Amino acid sequence: MVKTLSLRIVQALALALFVHTICFIMMQMLPGDQATQIAAGRYGADSLSIDIAESVSIELGLDKPIIEQYWNSLYHLLTLNLGHSLISGEKVIDAITVQLGYSIYLTAIAFCLSLIIAFPIGIFTGLNAHSKADKLGLLFSVFLKAIPPFVLGIMLILIFSIQFTLLPPAGYEDFTYMILPALTLALGLSAVSSRVIRESMSDVAQSSYFKYAKYKGLSNRVMIKQHGIKNTSIPILAFLALQSIYLIDGVVVVEAIFAFPGIGQALVEAIFSRDVPMIQGTVLVLGLLFVLINLFIDIISQYLDPRLKSKNA
C-alpha cells in the first residue's frame, strides 16, 4: 500500500510539472495577441483599445521575456498558488472548487448509470457467448462507440427536449438538468464496458471452479453472485480506470454542449478568453483527478485480490 501511494505521489508531481509546461507552451503558440484577448474578455470588444491592451500586458507581466514568465508561473505552482482569473479576478482555486463539485456530481451519476447499463448486458452475453444476444450486444457497443459524444448529446436533446419536451436541454437548476448530460456520458462509457464485462464473464464461465459450482447444483444467480462478479471485477476495474480518461475528456465536450456549469465548461470559456491561470489550474486538477482515480482503483483491486499485495511487496 505504501509503495502504491508513493508511486502515485511521484506521478502526481511529475504530471503537475508536465501539464503546467505544456499549457504554458500551447498558450504562447496560440495566434493573436494574448493581452488583447484578455482585455476584450475583461472590458468587452467594443471598449477595446491599444492603450487598454498595453496596460493589461504590463499589469500581467506579458511584456516580459517568455522564460521569465515561465519561471514566475512555475514559482506560483511550487508555492501552490494557482493565481487569480485574468478575466473575473476570482481566485482560481475557489472557482475550480465550485466547478469541480458540479463535474464530480455529473461524472458520478454517469459512472453509476453506465454500470447499471453495462453489467446486465455484459453478464448475460458472457454467459451466452456467440449467441444472438451476444451479437446484438456487440452491435449495440459498436454503434454507441462510433457516435462522438457531441453528436450523441445533440441527438438526445432533439429527442427528449425538442421532440417530446420531457427534459430541459441545457443549463442547471435541478436534477432534471443532469439527466441528459449524464446519459450522454454513460452511453459512451457503457458501450465498451459491456464488452469487457462480457469477456471477463465468459472467461469465468469457462473456468474449472465455475463449472464445479455448476456441477454442485448451484443456481446461476448464486454462481454469479459468489464466483462471477468478484472474479470479473478486477479486470473491469482496471479498464474503468482507463475509461476515466473518456470521462475527463468527455465531460469537457458534454458540459459545453449542455451549458452545464462544471469544470469542462469553465475550461472552454477560459481557452476562448485566454485566461491562462484558469486554464492551467483546470487542466492540472483534471490530471490530478485521473491520478486519484487510478490510486482508488489500485486500492480496490488489492482488496478484491490479495495476491496483488504480495506481488507489489
Protein backbone atom coordinates (compact mmCIF):
# COMPACT_ATOMS: atom_id res chain seq x y z
CA MET A 1 0.00 0.00 0.00
CA VAL A 2 2.81 2.41 0.91
CA LYS A 3 4.62 1.60 -2.33
CA THR A 4 1.46 2.24 -4.36
CA LEU A 5 0.80 5.52 -2.57
CA SER A 6 4.42 6.69 -3.03
CA LEU A 7 4.31 5.84 -6.72
CA ARG A 8 1.11 7.82 -7.23
CA ILE A 9 2.54 10.85 -5.39
CA VAL A 10 5.57 10.85 -7.68
CA GLN A 11 3.27 10.51 -10.69
CA ALA A 12 1.16 13.44 -9.46
CA LEU A 13 4.21 15.69 -9.07
CA ALA A 14 5.57 14.76 -12.49
CA LEU A 15 2.14 15.24 -14.01
CA ALA A 16 1.76 18.68 -12.43
CA LEU A 17 5.08 19.84 -13.88
CA PHE A 18 4.35 18.34 -17.30
CA VAL A 19 0.82 19.77 -17.55
CA HIS A 20 1.96 23.20 -16.40
CA THR A 21 4.75 23.32 -19.00
CA ILE A 22 2.59 22.05 -21.87
CA CYS A 23 -0.21 24.51 -21.07
CA PHE A 24 2.24 27.41 -20.93
CA ILE A 25 3.80 26.47 -24.30
CA MET A 26 0.45 25.95 -26.02
CA MET A 27 -0.92 29.26 -24.79
CA GLN A 28 2.14 31.02 -26.18
CA MET A 29 1.60 29.33 -29.55
CA LEU A 30 -2.00 30.48 -29.96
CA PRO A 31 -2.47 33.08 -32.72
CA GLY A 32 -3.24 36.68 -31.81
CA ASP A 33 -2.08 38.93 -29.01
CA GLN A 34 -2.72 37.48 -25.57
CA ALA A 35 -3.11 40.87 -23.86
CA THR A 36 -5.68 41.96 -26.44
CA GLN A 37 -7.75 38.81 -25.94
CA ILE A 38 -7.68 39.21 -22.16
CA ALA A 39 -8.61 42.89 -22.39
CA ALA A 40 -11.52 42.00 -24.67
CA GLY A 41 -12.72 39.44 -22.15
CA ARG A 42 -12.48 41.95 -19.31
CA TYR A 43 -13.89 45.11 -20.82
CA GLY A 44 -15.70 43.88 -23.93
CA ALA A 45 -14.70 44.11 -27.57
CA ASP A 46 -16.44 47.49 -28.00
CA SER A 47 -14.33 49.15 -25.29
CA LEU A 48 -11.03 47.68 -26.50
CA SER A 49 -8.17 49.99 -27.44
CA ILE A 50 -4.39 49.80 -27.83
CA ASP A 51 -3.81 51.64 -24.55
CA ILE A 52 -6.04 49.23 -22.64
CA ALA A 53 -4.28 46.22 -24.18
CA GLU A 54 -0.86 47.66 -23.26
CA SER A 55 -1.94 48.36 -19.68
CA VAL A 56 -3.19 44.77 -19.35
CA SER A 57 0.10 43.49 -20.78
CA ILE A 58 2.13 45.49 -18.23
CA GLU A 59 -0.19 44.56 -15.36
CA LEU A 60 0.09 40.82 -16.03
CA GLY A 61 3.78 40.85 -16.96
CA LEU A 62 3.09 39.75 -20.52
CA ASP A 63 5.68 42.25 -21.77
CA LYS A 64 8.46 40.31 -20.03
CA PRO A 65 10.57 37.63 -21.77
CA ILE A 66 8.86 34.25 -22.13
CA ILE A 67 11.48 32.48 -19.99
CA GLU A 68 10.87 34.92 -17.14
CA GLN A 69 7.12 34.45 -17.47
CA TYR A 70 7.56 30.67 -17.31
CA TRP A 71 9.74 30.75 -14.20
CA ASN A 72 7.31 33.10 -12.46
CA SER A 73 4.40 30.78 -13.26
CA LEU A 74 6.42 27.77 -12.11
CA TYR A 75 7.22 29.52 -8.83
CA HIS A 76 3.50 30.10 -8.23
CA LEU A 77 2.83 26.42 -8.94
CA LEU A 78 5.51 25.24 -6.48
CA THR A 79 4.08 27.54 -3.80
CA LEU A 80 0.59 26.08 -4.51
CA ASN A 81 -0.62 29.47 -5.68
CA LEU A 82 -2.78 28.98 -8.76
CA GLY A 83 -3.31 32.71 -9.00
CA HIS A 84 -6.39 34.69 -9.97
CA SER A 85 -8.55 34.61 -13.07
CA LEU A 86 -7.37 37.20 -15.56
CA ILE A 87 -10.98 37.92 -16.54
CA SER A 88 -13.04 37.86 -13.34
CA GLY A 89 -10.26 38.37 -10.79
CA GLU A 90 -11.58 35.46 -8.75
CA LYS A 91 -9.14 33.06 -7.12
CA VAL A 92 -8.59 30.10 -9.44
CA ILE A 93 -8.76 27.59 -6.60
CA ASP A 94 -12.11 28.99 -5.42
CA ALA A 95 -13.61 28.90 -8.91
CA ILE A 96 -12.34 25.37 -9.57
CA THR A 97 -13.68 24.13 -6.23
CA VAL A 98 -17.23 25.15 -7.17
CA GLN A 99 -16.98 23.93 -10.77
CA LEU A 100 -15.36 20.64 -9.80
CA GLY A 101 -18.22 19.87 -7.43
CA TYR A 102 -20.71 20.04 -10.30
CA SER A 103 -18.46 17.93 -12.56
CA ILE A 104 -17.89 15.23 -9.93
CA TYR A 105 -21.64 15.10 -9.35
CA LEU A 106 -22.22 14.66 -13.09
CA THR A 107 -19.50 12.06 -13.66
CA ALA A 108 -20.51 10.04 -10.58
CA ILE A 109 -24.08 9.75 -11.87
CA ALA A 110 -22.81 8.93 -15.37
CA PHE A 111 -20.43 6.30 -13.99
CA CYS A 112 -23.12 4.57 -11.91
CA LEU A 113 -25.58 4.76 -14.80
CA SER A 114 -23.04 3.19 -17.16
CA LEU A 115 -22.56 0.26 -14.77
CA ILE A 116 -26.33 -0.19 -14.49
CA ILE A 117 -26.45 -0.46 -18.29
CA ALA A 118 -23.24 -2.42 -18.88
CA PHE A 119 -23.32 -5.06 -16.11
CA PRO A 120 -26.60 -6.82 -17.05
CA ILE A 121 -25.71 -6.77 -20.75
CA GLY A 122 -22.14 -7.94 -20.14
CA ILE A 123 -23.05 -10.73 -17.73
CA PHE A 124 -25.90 -12.03 -19.90
CA THR A 125 -23.88 -12.01 -23.12
CA GLY A 126 -20.87 -13.51 -21.32
CA LEU A 127 -22.92 -16.45 -20.10
CA ASN A 128 -24.39 -16.84 -23.61
CA ALA A 129 -21.29 -16.28 -25.71
CA HIS A 130 -21.67 -16.42 -29.51
CA SER A 131 -25.46 -16.39 -29.25
CA LYS A 132 -27.81 -13.95 -30.98
CA ALA A 133 -27.96 -11.90 -27.79
CA ASP A 134 -24.16 -11.70 -27.80
CA LYS A 135 -24.15 -10.45 -31.38
CA LEU A 136 -26.81 -7.86 -30.57
CA GLY A 137 -24.70 -6.72 -27.61
CA LEU A 138 -21.70 -6.32 -29.91
CA LEU A 139 -23.82 -4.32 -32.37
CA PHE A 140 -25.03 -2.11 -29.51
CA SER A 141 -21.46 -1.43 -28.36
CA VAL A 142 -20.09 -0.69 -31.82
CA PHE A 143 -22.99 1.64 -32.64
CA LEU A 144 -22.67 3.69 -29.44
CA LYS A 145 -18.88 3.82 -29.54
CA ALA A 146 -18.92 5.07 -33.13
CA ILE A 147 -21.04 8.10 -32.18
CA PRO A 148 -18.98 11.05 -30.86
CA PRO A 149 -20.22 12.49 -27.53
CA PHE A 150 -21.25 15.82 -29.07
CA VAL A 151 -23.36 14.06 -31.73
CA LEU A 152 -24.95 11.79 -29.13
CA GLY A 153 -25.70 14.78 -26.90
CA ILE A 154 -27.36 16.69 -29.73
CA MET A 155 -29.42 13.60 -30.65
CA LEU A 156 -30.68 13.29 -27.07
CA ILE A 157 -31.58 16.99 -26.99
CA LEU A 158 -33.52 16.66 -30.25
CA ILE A 159 -35.41 13.62 -28.98
CA PHE A 160 -36.11 14.34 -25.30
CA SER A 161 -36.07 18.16 -25.23
CA ILE A 162 -37.39 19.31 -28.60
CA GLN A 163 -39.47 16.43 -29.92
CA PHE A 164 -41.11 15.23 -26.67
CA THR A 165 -40.26 18.17 -24.32
CA LEU A 166 -39.61 15.77 -21.45
CA LEU A 167 -36.29 17.12 -20.21
CA PRO A 168 -34.58 20.54 -20.20
CA PRO A 169 -31.94 20.93 -22.93
CA ALA A 170 -29.25 22.98 -21.17
CA GLY A 171 -28.19 24.80 -18.01
CA TYR A 172 -28.66 23.62 -14.45
CA GLU A 173 -31.44 24.35 -11.98
CA ASP A 174 -32.41 20.95 -10.55
CA PHE A 175 -31.71 17.25 -11.02
CA THR A 176 -33.67 17.03 -14.27
CA TYR A 177 -30.96 19.14 -15.95
CA MET A 178 -28.46 16.40 -15.01
CA ILE A 179 -30.18 13.54 -16.83
CA LEU A 180 -29.28 14.22 -20.46
CA PRO A 181 -25.57 15.06 -19.95
CA ALA A 182 -25.17 12.09 -17.58
CA LEU A 183 -26.89 9.78 -20.08
CA THR A 184 -24.64 11.07 -22.87
CA LEU A 185 -21.52 10.17 -20.87
CA ALA A 186 -22.97 6.89 -19.59
CA LEU A 187 -23.93 5.51 -23.00
CA GLY A 188 -20.44 6.07 -24.40
CA LEU A 189 -18.83 4.52 -21.33
CA SER A 190 -21.16 1.52 -21.19
CA ALA A 191 -20.58 0.72 -24.88
CA VAL A 192 -17.11 -0.67 -24.23
CA SER A 193 -17.61 -1.60 -20.57
CA SER A 194 -20.30 -4.10 -21.51
CA ARG A 195 -17.88 -5.91 -23.85
CA VAL A 196 -15.14 -6.01 -21.22
CA ILE A 197 -17.62 -7.43 -18.72
CA ARG A 198 -18.72 -9.92 -21.37
CA GLU A 199 -15.16 -11.14 -21.98
CA SER A 200 -14.42 -11.42 -18.25
CA MET A 201 -17.67 -13.24 -17.56
CA SER A 202 -17.07 -15.60 -20.49
CA ASP A 203 -13.63 -16.49 -19.09
CA VAL A 204 -15.11 -17.09 -15.65
CA ALA A 205 -17.88 -19.26 -17.10
CA GLN A 206 -15.23 -21.45 -18.76
CA SER A 207 -13.14 -21.79 -15.60
CA SER A 208 -12.93 -25.01 -13.63
CA TYR A 209 -14.23 -23.56 -10.35
CA PHE A 210 -17.31 -22.14 -12.08
CA LYS A 211 -18.05 -25.49 -13.75
CA TYR A 212 -17.54 -27.26 -10.42
CA ALA A 213 -20.04 -24.92 -8.77
CA LYS A 214 -22.48 -25.74 -11.53
CA TYR A 215 -21.97 -29.48 -11.01
CA LYS A 216 -22.77 -29.00 -7.31
CA GLY A 217 -26.22 -27.82 -8.33
CA LEU A 218 -25.86 -24.13 -7.56
CA SER A 219 -28.23 -21.83 -9.41
CA ASN A 220 -26.96 -19.29 -11.94
CA ARG A 221 -27.84 -16.44 -9.57
CA VAL A 222 -25.77 -17.94 -6.76
CA MET A 223 -22.84 -18.77 -9.04
CA ILE A 224 -22.77 -15.27 -10.49
CA LYS A 225 -23.04 -13.68 -7.06
CA GLN A 226 -20.40 -15.85 -5.33
CA HIS A 227 -17.96 -16.53 -8.17
CA GLY A 228 -18.78 -14.44 -11.21
CA ILE A 229 -18.97 -10.83 -10.07
CA LYS A 230 -15.92 -10.82 -7.80
CA ASN A 231 -13.66 -12.59 -10.30
CA THR A 232 -14.74 -10.37 -13.17
CA SER A 233 -14.42 -7.16 -11.12
CA ILE A 234 -10.61 -6.86 -11.18
CA PRO A 235 -10.08 -6.58 -14.96
CA ILE A 236 -13.23 -4.45 -15.16
CA LEU A 237 -11.89 -2.05 -12.53
CA ALA A 238 -8.59 -1.78 -14.39
CA PHE A 239 -10.46 -0.99 -17.58
CA LEU A 240 -12.70 1.55 -15.86
CA ALA A 241 -9.57 3.33 -14.60
CA LEU A 242 -8.51 3.75 -18.23
CA GLN A 243 -12.05 4.76 -19.14
CA SER A 244 -11.78 7.63 -16.66
CA ILE A 245 -9.82 9.31 -19.47
CA TYR A 246 -13.02 9.14 -21.51
CA LEU A 247 -14.97 10.68 -18.63
CA ILE A 248 -12.46 13.51 -18.15
CA ASP A 249 -12.28 14.13 -21.88
CA GLY A 250 -16.00 13.66 -22.45
CA VAL A 251 -17.07 15.92 -19.60
CA VAL A 252 -15.43 18.89 -21.33
CA VAL A 253 -17.41 18.30 -24.54
CA VAL A 254 -20.67 17.35 -22.83
CA GLU A 255 -20.66 20.29 -20.42
CA ALA A 256 -20.03 22.67 -23.31
CA ILE A 257 -22.97 21.22 -25.26
CA PHE A 258 -25.41 21.30 -22.35
CA ALA A 259 -24.06 24.58 -20.86
CA PHE A 260 -23.51 22.70 -17.61
CA PRO A 261 -21.66 24.82 -15.00
CA GLY A 262 -18.83 22.36 -14.44
CA ILE A 263 -15.09 22.41 -14.84
CA GLY A 264 -15.28 21.39 -18.51
CA GLN A 265 -17.45 24.35 -19.44
CA ALA A 266 -15.15 26.66 -17.46
CA LEU A 267 -12.14 25.29 -19.36
CA VAL A 268 -13.74 26.04 -22.73
CA GLU A 269 -14.59 29.61 -21.67
CA ALA A 270 -11.07 30.12 -20.29
CA ILE A 271 -9.49 28.97 -23.56
CA PHE A 272 -11.57 31.41 -25.63
CA SER A 273 -10.73 34.31 -23.30
CA ARG A 274 -7.02 33.36 -22.92
CA ASP A 275 -7.40 33.09 -19.14
CA VAL A 276 -4.06 31.31 -18.61
CA PRO A 277 -4.21 30.78 -14.80
CA MET A 278 -7.69 29.30 -15.10
CA ILE A 279 -6.61 27.02 -17.97
CA GLN A 280 -3.52 25.80 -16.14
CA GLY A 281 -5.40 25.29 -12.90
CA THR A 282 -8.26 23.44 -14.56
CA VAL A 283 -6.05 21.12 -16.61
CA LEU A 284 -3.87 20.46 -13.57
CA VAL A 285 -6.89 19.47 -11.47
CA LEU A 286 -8.20 17.18 -14.23
CA GLY A 287 -4.81 15.48 -14.47
CA LEU A 288 -4.53 15.01 -10.71
CA LEU A 289 -8.08 13.68 -10.67
CA PHE A 290 -7.00 10.97 -13.11
CA VAL A 291 -4.14 10.01 -10.76
CA LEU A 292 -6.52 9.84 -7.79
CA ILE A 293 -8.90 7.62 -9.74
CA ASN A 294 -6.07 5.21 -10.54
CA LEU A 295 -4.98 5.20 -6.89
CA PHE A 296 -8.53 4.37 -5.82
CA ILE A 297 -8.71 1.54 -8.38
CA ASP A 298 -5.38 0.14 -7.14
CA ILE A 299 -6.64 0.06 -3.55
CA ILE A 300 -9.94 -1.61 -4.50
CA SER A 301 -8.13 -4.16 -6.71
CA GLN A 302 -5.79 -5.14 -3.88
CA TYR A 303 -8.79 -5.56 -1.61
CA LEU A 304 -10.55 -7.83 -4.11
CA ASP A 305 -7.41 -9.85 -4.95
CA PRO A 306 -4.95 -10.14 -2.02
CA ARG A 307 -2.41 -11.69 -4.41
CA LEU A 308 -1.76 -8.20 -5.77
CA LYS A 309 -0.46 -7.13 -2.36
CA SER A 310 2.08 -9.94 -2.39
CA LYS A 311 3.06 -9.10 -5.95
CA ASN A 312 3.62 -5.43 -5.07
CA ALA A 313 5.57 -6.41 -1.96
